[in-house]
Amino acid sequence: MYGTLKRGLRNHHLMAGQRFVADAVTEPRYRVIDLGPYPGMVADAAAGLAVRGELWAVDPGCLAALDAFEGVPDLFVRGTVAVAGQGGDVYAYFWNRPVPVAAASGDRWPLA
């Protein structure tokens, strides 16, 4: 995860009972965009960055609750993400709408 669900941020309580695995960095293929009160991640093959976040193991009930919280599939979609040093499938939420014109972006949330 790369946004408000991370440790120390306002929606982290939704991760109660789940297992933190490690701090994580994606392959440089993505970008975090500022959507106001929260971020979104988009694929960016041309100018992607290595996005910094956290890797969590979540149970099916938590995953369903997170999908609802993230507005899947309207606002976000859950898809695989390439994480440096991780084998197997890793999932993240991707922004599922057009990127707002002039949205600030970077490699982490909150933006540096």
PDB file of N, CA and C in Angstrom:
ATOM      1  N   MET A   1       0.828  -1.174   0.000  1.00  0.00           N
ATOM      2  CA  MET A   1       0.000   0.000   0.000  1.00  0.00           C
ATOM      3  C   MET A   1       0.872   1.237   0.000  1.00  0.00           C
ATOM      4  N   TYR A   2       0.355   2.289  -0.575  1.00  0.00           N
ATOM      5  CA  TYR A   2       1.166   3.487  -0.793  1.00  0.00           C
ATOM      6  C   TYR A   2       0.502   4.738  -0.247  1.00  0.00           C
ATOM      7  N   GLY A   3      -0.686   4.632   0.352  1.00  0.00           N
ATOM      8  CA  GLY A   3      -1.426   5.835   0.721  1.00  0.00           C
ATOM      9  C   GLY A   3      -1.858   5.879   2.171  1.00  0.00           C
ATOM     10  N   THR A   4      -3.100   6.283   2.379  1.00  0.00           N
ATOM     11  CA  THR A   4      -3.608   6.575   3.721  1.00  0.00           C
ATOM     12  C   THR A   4      -3.790   5.345   4.603  1.00  0.00           C
ATOM     13  N   LEU A   5      -3.590   4.144   4.067  1.00  0.00           N
ATOM     14  CA  LEU A   5      -3.666   2.917   4.869  1.00  0.00           C
ATOM     15  C   LEU A   5      -2.332   2.580   5.532  1.00  0.00           C
ATOM     16  N   LYS A   6      -1.264   3.265   5.163  1.00  0.00           N
ATOM     17  CA  LYS A   6       0.054   2.982   5.729  1.00  0.00           C
ATOM     18  C   LYS A   6       0.080   3.275   7.221  1.00  0.00           C
ATOM     19  N   ARG A   7       1.040   2.637   7.893  1.00  0.00           N
ATOM     20  CA  ARG A   7       1.241   2.878   9.326  1.00  0.00           C
ATOM     21  C   ARG A   7       1.413   4.368   9.584  1.00  0.00           C
ATOM     22  N   GLY A   8       0.719   4.846  10.614  1.00  0.00           N
ATOM     23  CA  GLY A   8       0.834   6.243  11.009  1.00  0.00           C
ATOM     24  C   GLY A   8      -0.079   7.194  10.265  1.00  0.00           C
ATOM     25  N   LEU A   9      -0.780   6.728   9.247  1.00  0.00           N
ATOM     26  CA  LEU A   9      -1.681   7.600   8.488  1.00  0.00           C
ATOM     27  C   LEU A   9      -3.131   7.339   8.879  1.00  0.00           C
ATOM     28  N   ARG A  10      -4.009   8.215   8.466  1.00  0.00           N
ATOM     29  CA  ARG A  10      -5.354   8.297   9.032  1.00  0.00           C
ATOM     30  C   ARG A  10      -6.253   7.079   8.849  1.00  0.00           C
ATOM     31  N   ASN A  11      -6.041   6.265   7.844  1.00  0.00           N
ATOM     32  CA  ASN A  11      -6.910   5.098   7.643  1.00  0.00           C
ATOM     33  C   ASN A  11      -6.237   3.771   7.983  1.00  0.00           C
ATOM     34  N   HIS A  12      -5.119   3.848   8.664  1.00  0.00           N
ATOM     35  CA  HIS A  12      -4.404   2.622   9.025  1.00  0.00           C
ATOM     36  C   HIS A  12      -5.234   1.690   9.912  1.00  0.00           C
ATOM     37  N   HIS A  13      -6.175   2.230  10.657  1.00  0.00           N
ATOM     38  CA  HIS A  13      -7.013   1.389  11.531  1.00  0.00           C
ATOM     39  C   HIS A  13      -7.725   0.285  10.742  1.00  0.00           C
ATOM     40  N   LEU A  14      -7.917   0.469   9.434  1.00  0.00           N
ATOM     41  CA  LEU A  14      -8.557  -0.549   8.605  1.00  0.00           C
ATOM     42  C   LEU A  14      -7.673  -1.785   8.422  1.00  0.00           C
ATOM     43  N   MET A  15      -6.414  -1.685   8.808  1.00  0.00           N
ATOM     44  CA  MET A  15      -5.478  -2.805   8.691  1.00  0.00           C
ATOM     45  C   MET A  15      -5.372  -3.610   9.985  1.00  0.00           C
ATOM     46  N   ALA A  16      -6.209  -3.299  10.975  1.00  0.00           N
ATOM     47  CA  ALA A  16      -6.159  -3.993  12.268  1.00  0.00           C
ATOM     48  C   ALA A  16      -6.261  -5.506  12.064  1.00  0.00           C
ATOM     49  N   GLY A  17      -5.375  -6.232  12.728  1.00  0.00           N
ATOM     50  CA  GLY A  17      -5.386  -7.685  12.655  1.00  0.00           C
ATOM     51  C   GLY A  17      -4.678  -8.270  11.449  1.00  0.00           C
ATOM     52  N   GLN A  18      -4.147  -7.433  10.578  1.00  0.00           N
ATOM     53  CA  GLN A  18      -3.450  -7.922   9.386  1.00  0.00           C
ATOM     54  C   GLN A  18      -1.943  -7.912   9.654  1.00  0.00           C
ATOM     55  N   ARG A  19      -1.169  -8.586   8.813  1.00  0.00           N
ATOM     56  CA  ARG A  19       0.261  -8.749   9.069  1.00  0.00           C
ATOM     57  C   ARG A  19       1.110  -7.862   8.156  1.00  0.00           C
ATOM     58  N   PHE A  20       1.868  -6.964   8.794  1.00  0.00           N
ATOM     59  CA  PHE A  20       2.852  -6.162   8.069  1.00  0.00           C
ATOM     60  C   PHE A  20       3.972  -7.089   7.625  1.00  0.00           C
ATOM     61  N   VAL A  21       4.357  -7.029   6.340  1.00  0.00           N
ATOM     62  CA  VAL A  21       5.418  -7.874   5.811  1.00  0.00           C
ATOM     63  C   VAL A  21       6.732  -7.098   5.732  1.00  0.00           C
ATOM     64  N   ALA A  22       6.707  -5.930   5.082  1.00  0.00           N
ATOM     65  CA  ALA A  22       7.949  -5.173   4.903  1.00  0.00           C
ATOM     66  C   ALA A  22       7.651  -3.832   4.257  1.00  0.00           C
ATOM     67  N   ASP A  23       8.590  -2.899   4.419  1.00  0.00           N
ATOM     68  CA  ASP A  23       8.563  -1.717   3.573  1.00  0.00           C
ATOM     69  C   ASP A  23       8.859  -2.208   2.166  1.00  0.00           C
ATOM     70  N   ALA A  24       8.306  -1.553   1.163  1.00  0.00           N
ATOM     71  CA  ALA A  24       8.432  -2.050  -0.198  1.00  0.00           C
ATOM     72  C   ALA A  24       8.648  -0.901  -1.173  1.00  0.00           C
ATOM     73  N   VAL A  25       9.272  -1.227  -2.295  1.00  0.00           N
ATOM     74  CA  VAL A  25       9.502  -0.275  -3.378  1.00  0.00           C
ATOM     75  C   VAL A  25       9.145  -0.980  -4.678  1.00  0.00           C
ATOM     76  N   THR A  26       8.325  -0.353  -5.497  1.00  0.00           N
ATOM     77  CA  THR A  26       7.961  -0.945  -6.780  1.00  0.00           C
ATOM     78  C   THR A  26       9.107  -0.819  -7.777  1.00  0.00           C
ATOM     79  N   GLU A  27       8.993  -1.547  -8.845  1.00  0.00           N
ATOM     80  CA  GLU A  27       9.856  -1.292  -9.993  1.00  0.00           C
ATOM     81  C   GLU A  27       9.486   0.114 -10.500  1.00  0.00           C
ATOM     82  N   PRO A  28      10.376   0.798 -11.211  1.00  0.00           N
ATOM     83  CA  PRO A  28      10.097   2.179 -11.640  1.00  0.00           C
ATOM     84  C   PRO A  28       9.134   2.242 -12.833  1.00  0.00           C
ATOM     85  N   ARG A  29       7.883   1.871 -12.578  1.00  0.00           N
ATOM     86  CA  ARG A  29       6.861   1.823 -13.623  1.00  0.00           C
ATOM     87  C   ARG A  29       5.578   2.543 -13.248  1.00  0.00           C
ATOM     88  N   TYR A  30       5.585   3.270 -12.130  1.00  0.00           N
ATOM     89  CA  TYR A  30       4.344   3.812 -11.578  1.00  0.00           C
ATOM     90  C   TYR A  30       4.564   5.247 -11.111  1.00  0.00           C
ATOM     91  N   ARG A  31       3.480   5.861 -10.713  1.00  0.00           N
ATOM     92  CA  ARG A  31       3.532   7.221 -10.193  1.00  0.00           C
ATOM     93  C   ARG A  31       2.365   7.390  -9.228  1.00  0.00           C
ATOM     94  N   VAL A  32       2.605   8.066  -8.103  1.00  0.00           N
ATOM     95  CA  VAL A  32       1.553   8.410  -7.148  1.00  0.00           C
ATOM     96  C   VAL A  32       1.072   9.804  -7.506  1.00  0.00           C
ATOM     97  N   ILE A  33      -0.252   9.957  -7.654  1.00  0.00           N
ATOM     98  CA  ILE A  33      -0.813  11.270  -7.983  1.00  0.00           C
ATOM     99  C   ILE A  33      -1.608  11.809  -6.800  1.00  0.00           C
ATOM    100  N   ASP A  34      -1.584  13.111  -6.662  1.00  0.00           N
ATOM    101  CA  ASP A  34      -2.296  13.800  -5.581  1.00  0.00           C
ATOM    102  C   ASP A  34      -3.736  14.035  -6.017  1.00  0.00           C
ATOM    103  N   LEU A  35      -4.669  13.401  -5.305  1.00  0.00           N
ATOM    104  CA  LEU A  35      -6.101  13.560  -5.598  1.00  0.00           C
ATOM    105  C   LEU A  35      -6.794  14.382  -4.521  1.00  0.00           C
ATOM    106  N   GLY A  36      -6.032  15.206  -3.817  1.00  0.00           N
ATOM    107  CA  GLY A  36      -6.593  16.029  -2.747  1.00  0.00           C
ATOM    108  C   GLY A  36      -6.401  15.334  -1.416  1.00  0.00           C
ATOM    109  N   PRO A  37      -7.476  14.767  -0.849  1.00  0.00           N
ATOM    110  CA  PRO A  37      -7.346  14.143   0.475  1.00  0.00           C
ATOM    111  C   PRO A  37      -6.670  12.773   0.462  1.00  0.00           C
ATOM    112  N   TYR A  38      -6.434  12.223  -0.704  1.00  0.00           N
ATOM    113  CA  TYR A  38      -5.812  10.902  -0.803  1.00  0.00           C
ATOM    114  C   TYR A  38      -5.071  10.789  -2.130  1.00  0.00           C
ATOM    115  N   PRO A  39      -4.193   9.774  -2.229  1.00  0.00           N
ATOM    116  CA  PRO A  39      -3.458   9.582  -3.466  1.00  0.00           C
ATOM    117  C   PRO A  39      -4.100   8.519  -4.345  1.00  0.00           C
ATOM    118  N   GLY A  40      -3.608   8.425  -5.550  1.00  0.00           N
ATOM    119  CA  GLY A  40      -3.914   7.324  -6.446  1.00  0.00           C
ATOM    120  C   GLY A  40      -2.613   6.915  -7.108  1.00  0.00           C
ATOM    121  N   MET A  41      -2.543   5.679  -7.539  1.00  0.00           N
ATOM    122  CA  MET A  41      -1.361   5.238  -8.266  1.00  0.00           C
ATOM    123  C   MET A  41      -1.766   4.916  -9.695  1.00  0.00           C
ATOM    124  N   VAL A  42      -0.899   5.286 -10.626  1.00  0.00           N
ATOM    125  CA  VAL A  42      -1.122   4.996 -12.040  1.00  0.00           C
ATOM    126  C   VAL A  42       0.135   4.364 -12.608  1.00  0.00           C
ATOM    127  N   ALA A  43      -0.056   3.540 -13.622  1.00  0.00           N
ATOM    128  CA  ALA A  43       1.083   3.005 -14.361  1.00  0.00           C
ATOM    129  C   ALA A  43       1.634   4.121 -15.239  1.00  0.00           C
ATOM    130  N   ASP A  44       2.951   4.200 -15.353  1.00  0.00           N
ATOM    131  CA  ASP A  44       3.594   5.226 -16.167  1.00  0.00           C
ATOM    132  C   ASP A  44       4.841   4.618 -16.801  1.00  0.00           C
ATOM    133  N   ALA A  45       4.645   3.969 -17.949  1.00  0.00           N
ATOM    134  CA  ALA A  45       5.748   3.283 -18.618  1.00  0.00           C
ATOM    135  C   ALA A  45       6.823   4.249 -19.106  1.00  0.00           C
ATOM    136  N   ALA A  46       6.442   5.469 -19.464  1.00  0.00           N
ATOM    137  CA  ALA A  46       7.391   6.418 -20.044  1.00  0.00           C
ATOM    138  C   ALA A  46       8.259   7.112 -19.001  1.00  0.00           C
ATOM    139  N   ALA A  47       7.675   7.482 -17.871  1.00  0.00           N
ATOM    140  CA  ALA A  47       8.418   8.250 -16.865  1.00  0.00           C
ATOM    141  C   ALA A  47       8.110   7.760 -15.457  1.00  0.00           C
ATOM    142  N   GLY A  48       7.945   6.460 -15.314  1.00  0.00           N
ATOM    143  CA  GLY A  48       7.581   5.887 -14.027  1.00  0.00           C
ATOM    144  C   GLY A  48       8.649   6.059 -12.969  1.00  0.00           C
ATOM    145  N   LEU A  49       8.203   5.980 -11.744  1.00  0.00           N
ATOM    146  CA  LEU A  49       9.065   6.093 -10.578  1.00  0.00           C
ATOM    147  C   LEU A  49       8.975   4.811  -9.762  1.00  0.00           C
ATOM    148  N   ALA A  50       9.930   4.600  -8.890  1.00  0.00           N
ATOM    149  CA  ALA A  50       9.892   3.493  -7.944  1.00  0.00           C
ATOM    150  C   ALA A  50       9.091   3.977  -6.736  1.00  0.00           C
ATOM    151  N   VAL A  51       7.836   3.573  -6.644  1.00  0.00           N
ATOM    152  CA  VAL A  51       6.938   4.047  -5.590  1.00  0.00           C
ATOM    153  C   VAL A  51       7.249   3.329  -4.277  1.00  0.00           C
ATOM    154  N   ARG A  52       7.325   4.122  -3.214  1.00  0.00           N
ATOM    155  CA  ARG A  52       7.628   3.600  -1.876  1.00  0.00           C
ATOM    156  C   ARG A  52       6.331   3.380  -1.107  1.00  0.00           C
ATOM    157  N   GLY A  53       6.230   2.215  -0.460  1.00  0.00           N
ATOM    158  CA  GLY A  53       5.035   1.911   0.315  1.00  0.00           C
ATOM    159  C   GLY A  53       5.293   0.781   1.277  1.00  0.00           C
ATOM    160  N   GLU A  54       4.236   0.030   1.580  1.00  0.00           N
ATOM    161  CA  GLU A  54       4.312  -1.077   2.518  1.00  0.00           C
ATOM    162  C   GLU A  54       3.656  -2.308   1.914  1.00  0.00           C
ATOM    163  N   LEU A  55       4.192  -3.458   2.271  1.00  0.00           N
ATOM    164  CA  LEU A  55       3.638  -4.732   1.830  1.00  0.00           C
ATOM    165  C   LEU A  55       2.957  -5.386   3.033  1.00  0.00           C
ATOM    166  N   TRP A  56       1.683  -5.783   2.842  1.00  0.00           N
ATOM    167  CA  TRP A  56       0.879  -6.389   3.905  1.00  0.00           C
ATOM    168  C   TRP A  56       0.275  -7.687   3.419  1.00  0.00           C
ATOM    169  N   ALA A  57       0.137  -8.644   4.320  1.00  0.00           N
ATOM    170  CA  ALA A  57      -0.629  -9.867   4.067  1.00  0.00           C
ATOM    171  C   ALA A  57      -1.998  -9.645   4.707  1.00  0.00           C
ATOM    172  N   VAL A  58      -3.041  -9.744   3.908  1.00  0.00           N
ATOM    173  CA  VAL A  58      -4.397  -9.499   4.416  1.00  0.00           C
ATOM    174  C   VAL A  58      -5.270 -10.721   4.177  1.00  0.00           C
ATOM    175  N   ASP A  59      -6.221 -10.928   5.092  1.00  0.00           N
ATOM    176  CA  ASP A  59      -7.128 -12.055   4.939  1.00  0.00           C
ATOM    177  C   ASP A  59      -8.272 -11.678   3.994  1.00  0.00           C
ATOM    178  N   PRO A  60      -9.032 -12.662   3.497  1.00  0.00           N
ATOM    179  CA  PRO A  60     -10.093 -12.381   2.524  1.00  0.00           C
ATOM    180  C   PRO A  60     -11.148 -11.386   3.013  1.00  0.00           C
ATOM    181  N   GLY A  61     -11.489 -11.421   4.295  1.00  0.00           N
ATOM    182  CA  GLY A  61     -12.470 -10.472   4.821  1.00  0.00           C
ATOM    183  C   GLY A  61     -11.963  -9.045   4.782  1.00  0.00           C
ATOM    184  N   CYS A  62     -10.708  -8.857   5.161  1.00  0.00           N
ATOM    185  CA  CYS A  62     -10.109  -7.521   5.109  1.00  0.00           C
ATOM    186  C   CYS A  62     -10.005  -7.054   3.665  1.00  0.00           C
ATOM    187  N   LEU A  63      -9.622  -7.939   2.762  1.00  0.00           N
ATOM    188  CA  LEU A  63      -9.497  -7.568   1.349  1.00  0.00           C
ATOM    189  C   LEU A  63     -10.834  -7.092   0.796  1.00  0.00           C
ATOM    190  N   ALA A  64     -11.915  -7.778   1.133  1.00  0.00           N
ATOM    191  CA  ALA A  64     -13.245  -7.348   0.686  1.00  0.00           C
ATOM    192  C   ALA A  64     -13.592  -5.978   1.267  1.00  0.00           C
ATOM    193  N   ALA A  65     -13.270  -5.756   2.532  1.00  0.00           N
ATOM    194  CA  ALA A  65     -13.537  -4.456   3.162  1.00  0.00           C
ATOM    195  C   ALA A  65     -12.695  -3.355   2.515  1.00  0.00           C
ATOM    196  N   LEU A  66     -11.442  -3.659   2.186  1.00  0.00           N
ATOM    197  CA  LEU A  66     -10.582  -2.671   1.525  1.00  0.00           C
ATOM    198  C   LEU A  66     -11.090  -2.353   0.126  1.00  0.00           C
ATOM    199  N   ASP A  67     -11.547  -3.367  -0.605  1.00  0.00           N
ATOM    200  CA  ASP A  67     -12.125  -3.113  -1.928  1.00  0.00           C
ATOM    201  C   ASP A  67     -13.292  -2.145  -1.823  1.00  0.00           C
ATOM    202  N   ALA A  68     -14.162  -2.351  -0.832  1.00  0.00           N
ATOM    203  CA  ALA A  68     -15.309  -1.455  -0.640  1.00  0.00           C
ATOM    204  C   ALA A  68     -14.829  -0.056  -0.256  1.00  0.00           C
ATOM    205  N   PHE A  69     -13.871   0.032   0.651  1.00  0.00           N
ATOM    206  CA  PHE A  69     -13.333   1.321   1.091  1.00  0.00           C
ATOM    207  C   PHE A  69     -12.722   2.081  -0.077  1.00  0.00           C
ATOM    208  N   GLU A  70     -12.016   1.381  -0.949  1.00  0.00           N
ATOM    209  CA  GLU A  70     -11.330   2.014  -2.080  1.00  0.00           C
ATOM    210  C   GLU A  70     -12.263   2.299  -3.260  1.00  0.00           C
ATOM    211  N   GLY A  71     -13.517   1.890  -3.171  1.00  0.00           N
ATOM    212  CA  GLY A  71     -14.458   2.174  -4.245  1.00  0.00           C
ATOM    213  C   GLY A  71     -14.230   1.341  -5.491  1.00  0.00           C
ATOM    214  N   VAL A  72     -13.783   0.097  -5.312  1.00  0.00           N
ATOM    215  CA  VAL A  72     -13.571  -0.815  -6.439  1.00  0.00           C
ATOM    216  C   VAL A  72     -14.927  -1.223  -7.006  1.00  0.00           C
ATOM    217  N   PRO A  73     -15.161  -1.170  -8.285  1.00  0.00           N
ATOM    218  CA  PRO A  73     -14.241  -0.833  -9.369  1.00  0.00           C
ATOM    219  C   PRO A  73     -14.442   0.574  -9.917  1.00  0.00           C
ATOM    220  N   ASP A  74     -15.191   1.414  -9.241  1.00  0.00           N
ATOM    221  CA  ASP A  74     -15.477   2.749  -9.768  1.00  0.00           C
ATOM    222  C   ASP A  74     -14.270   3.681  -9.665  1.00  0.00           C
ATOM    223  N   LEU A  75     -13.803   3.939  -8.445  1.00  0.00           N
ATOM    224  CA  LEU A  75     -12.672   4.860  -8.263  1.00  0.00           C
ATOM    225  C   LEU A  75     -11.330   4.185  -8.485  1.00  0.00           C
ATOM    226  N   PHE A  76     -11.194   2.987  -7.973  1.00  0.00           N
ATOM    227  CA  PHE A  76      -9.938   2.250  -8.051  1.00  0.00           C
ATOM    228  C   PHE A  76     -10.203   0.847  -8.552  1.00  0.00           C
ATOM    229  N   VAL A  77      -9.158   0.218  -9.089  1.00  0.00           N
ATOM    230  CA  VAL A  77      -9.168  -1.205  -9.422  1.00  0.00           C
ATOM    231  C   VAL A  77      -7.958  -1.832  -8.755  1.00  0.00           C
ATOM    232  N   ARG A  78      -8.108  -3.071  -8.346  1.00  0.00           N
ATOM    233  CA  ARG A  78      -6.993  -3.798  -7.741  1.00  0.00           C
ATOM    234  C   ARG A  78      -6.295  -4.580  -8.843  1.00  0.00           C
ATOM    235  N   GLY A  79      -4.975  -4.390  -8.940  1.00  0.00           N
ATOM    236  CA  GLY A  79      -4.206  -5.079  -9.968  1.00  0.00           C
ATOM    237  C   GLY A  79      -2.823  -5.425  -9.473  1.00  0.00           C
ATOM    238  N   THR A  80      -2.128  -6.259 -10.223  1.00  0.00           N
ATOM    239  CA  THR A  80      -0.785  -6.650  -9.823  1.00  0.00           C
ATOM    240  C   THR A  80       0.182  -5.491 -10.024  1.00  0.00           C
ATOM    241  N   VAL A  81       1.157  -5.451  -9.162  1.00  0.00           N
ATOM    242  CA  VAL A  81       2.184  -4.419  -9.193  1.00  0.00           C
ATOM    243  C   VAL A  81       3.535  -5.106  -9.046  1.00  0.00           C
ATOM    244  N   ALA A  82       4.525  -4.618  -9.773  1.00  0.00           N
ATOM    245  CA  ALA A  82       5.874  -5.190  -9.708  1.00  0.00           C
ATOM    246  C   ALA A  82       6.630  -4.557  -8.543  1.00  0.00           C
ATOM    247  N   VAL A  83       6.933  -5.372  -7.534  1.00  0.00           N
ATOM    248  CA  VAL A  83       7.649  -4.900  -6.352  1.00  0.00           C
ATOM    249  C   VAL A  83       9.052  -5.479  -6.375  1.00  0.00           C
ATOM    250  N   ALA A  84      10.035  -4.611  -6.217  1.00  0.00           N
ATOM    251  CA  ALA A  84      11.435  -5.024  -6.243  1.00  0.00           C
ATOM    252  C   ALA A  84      11.688  -6.101  -5.191  1.00  0.00           C
ATOM    253  N   GLY A  85      12.312  -7.207  -5.608  1.00  0.00           N
ATOM    254  CA  GLY A  85      12.697  -8.254  -4.686  1.00  0.00           C
ATOM    255  C   GLY A  85      11.580  -9.173  -4.232  1.00  0.00           C
ATOM    256  N   GLN A  86      10.387  -9.045  -4.786  1.00  0.00           N
ATOM    257  CA  GLN A  86       9.255  -9.883  -4.384  1.00  0.00           C
ATOM    258  C   GLN A  86       8.853 -10.819  -5.508  1.00  0.00           C
ATOM    259  N   GLY A  87       8.812 -12.092  -5.205  1.00  0.00           N
ATOM    260  CA  GLY A  87       8.279 -13.055  -6.156  1.00  0.00           C
ATOM    261  C   GLY A  87       6.796 -13.232  -5.865  1.00  0.00           C
ATOM    262  N   GLY A  88       6.091 -13.828  -6.771  1.00  0.00           N
ATOM    263  CA  GLY A  88       4.660 -14.039  -6.557  1.00  0.00           C
ATOM    264  C   GLY A  88       3.864 -12.786  -6.843  1.00  0.00           C
ATOM    265  N   ASP A  89       2.566 -12.919  -6.686  1.00  0.00           N
ATOM    266  CA  ASP A  89       1.678 -11.799  -6.991  1.00  0.00           C
ATOM    267  C   ASP A  89       1.594 -10.817  -5.830  1.00  0.00           C
ATOM    268  N   VAL A  90       1.755  -9.555  -6.142  1.00  0.00           N
ATOM    269  CA  VAL A  90       1.561  -8.460  -5.204  1.00  0.00           C
ATOM    270  C   VAL A  90       0.512  -7.554  -5.841  1.00  0.00           C
ATOM    271  N   TYR A  91      -0.439  -7.110  -5.043  1.00  0.00           N
ATOM    272  CA  TYR A  91      -1.532  -6.300  -5.566  1.00  0.00           C
ATOM    273  C   TYR A  91      -1.516  -4.904  -4.968  1.00  0.00           C
ATOM    274  N   ALA A  92      -2.003  -3.960  -5.752  1.00  0.00           N
ATOM    275  CA  ALA A  92      -2.152  -2.579  -5.312  1.00  0.00           C
ATOM    276  C   ALA A  92      -3.429  -2.031  -5.935  1.00  0.00           C
ATOM    277  N   TYR A  93      -3.882  -0.900  -5.416  1.00  0.00           N
ATOM    278  CA  TYR A  93      -5.042  -0.220  -5.975  1.00  0.00           C
ATOM    279  C   TYR A  93      -4.567   0.861  -6.946  1.00  0.00           C
ATOM    280  N   PHE A  94      -5.122   0.823  -8.155  1.00  0.00           N
ATOM    281  CA  PHE A  94      -4.784   1.786  -9.199  1.00  0.00           C
ATOM    282  C   PHE A  94      -5.972   2.713  -9.438  1.00  0.00           C
ATOM    283  N   TRP A  95      -5.683   3.998  -9.625  1.00  0.00           N
ATOM    284  CA  TRP A  95      -6.694   5.000  -9.956  1.00  0.00           C
ATOM    285  C   TRP A  95      -7.373   4.577 -11.248  1.00  0.00           C
ATOM    286  N   ASN A  96      -8.705   4.607 -11.275  1.00  0.00           N
ATOM    287  CA  ASN A  96      -9.472   4.091 -12.408  1.00  0.00           C
ATOM    288  C   ASN A  96     -10.249   5.189 -13.125  1.00  0.00           C
ATOM    289  N   ARG A  97      -9.751   6.387 -13.043  1.00  0.00           N
ATOM    290  CA  ARG A  97     -10.371   7.523 -13.728  1.00  0.00           C
ATOM    291  C   ARG A  97      -9.270   8.340 -14.391  1.00  0.00           C
ATOM    292  N   PRO A  98      -9.650   9.298 -15.233  1.00  0.00           N
ATOM    293  CA  PRO A  98      -8.602  10.144 -15.828  1.00  0.00           C
ATOM    294  C   PRO A  98      -7.820  10.895 -14.748  1.00  0.00           C
ATOM    295  N   VAL A  99      -6.540  11.044 -14.992  1.00  0.00           N
ATOM    296  CA  VAL A  99      -5.702  11.810 -14.062  1.00  0.00           C
ATOM    297  C   VAL A  99      -6.067  13.278 -14.198  1.00  0.00           C
ATOM    298  N   PRO A 100      -6.349  13.950 -13.076  1.00  0.00           N
ATOM    299  CA  PRO A 100      -6.683  15.374 -13.161  1.00  0.00           C
ATOM    300  C   PRO A 100      -5.542  16.174 -13.806  1.00  0.00           C
ATOM    301  N   VAL A 101      -5.896  17.141 -14.614  1.00  0.00           N
ATOM    302  CA  VAL A 101      -4.915  18.004 -15.266  1.00  0.00           C
ATOM    303  C   VAL A 101      -4.073  18.691 -14.188  1.00  0.00           C
ATOM    304  N   ALA A 102      -2.785  18.686 -14.377  1.00  0.00           N
ATOM    305  CA  ALA A 102      -1.823  19.346 -13.489  1.00  0.00           C
ATOM    306  C   ALA A 102      -1.763  18.723 -12.094  1.00  0.00           C
ATOM    307  N   ALA A 103      -2.185  17.464 -11.951  1.00  0.00           N
ATOM    308  CA  ALA A 103      -2.070  16.795 -10.641  1.00  0.00           C
ATOM    309  C   ALA A 103      -0.602  16.618 -10.291  1.00  0.00           C
ATOM    310  N   ALA A 104      -0.245  16.987  -9.080  1.00  0.00           N
ATOM    311  CA  ALA A 104       1.120  16.757  -8.605  1.00  0.00           C
ATOM    312  C   ALA A 104       1.337  15.262  -8.485  1.00  0.00           C
ATOM    313  N   SER A 105       2.576  14.824  -8.669  1.00  0.00           N
ATOM    314  CA  SER A 105       2.853  13.395  -8.562  1.00  0.00           C
ATOM    315  C   SER A 105       4.240  13.191  -7.986  1.00  0.00           C
ATOM    316  N   GLY A 106       4.486  11.948  -7.567  1.00  0.00           N
ATOM    317  CA  GLY A 106       5.783  11.618  -7.008  1.00  0.00           C
ATOM    318  C   GLY A 106       5.899  10.139  -6.738  1.00  0.00           C
ATOM    319  N   ASP A 107       6.829   9.780  -5.856  1.00  0.00           N
ATOM    320  CA  ASP A 107       7.112   8.373  -5.579  1.00  0.00           C
ATOM    321  C   ASP A 107       6.606   7.902  -4.225  1.00  0.00           C
ATOM    322  N   ARG A 108       5.861   8.734  -3.495  1.00  0.00           N
ATOM    323  CA  ARG A 108       5.377   8.349  -2.162  1.00  0.00           C
ATOM    324  C   ARG A 108       4.244   9.260  -1.725  1.00  0.00           C
ATOM    325  N   TRP A 109       3.515   8.803  -0.703  1.00  0.00           N
ATOM    326  CA  TRP A 109       2.458   9.613  -0.084  1.00  0.00           C
ATOM    327  C   TRP A 109       2.745   9.703   1.378  1.00  0.00           C
ATOM    328  N   PRO A 110       2.641  10.905   1.965  1.00  0.00           N
ATOM    329  CA  PRO A 110       2.390  12.166   1.279  1.00  0.00           C
ATOM    330  C   PRO A 110       3.535  12.515   0.338  1.00  0.00           C
ATOM    331  N   LEU A 111       3.190  13.301  -0.679  1.00  0.00           N
ATOM    332  CA  LEU A 111       4.201  13.682  -1.667  1.00  0.00           C
ATOM    333  C   LEU A 111       5.330  14.438  -0.987  1.00  0.00           C
ATOM    334  N   ALA A 112       6.546  14.172  -1.451  1.00  0.00           N
ATOM    335  CA  ALA A 112       7.735  14.844  -0.880  1.00  0.00           C
ATOM    336  C   ALA A 112       7.823  16.270  -1.400  1.00  0.00           C
TER     337      ALA A 112
END
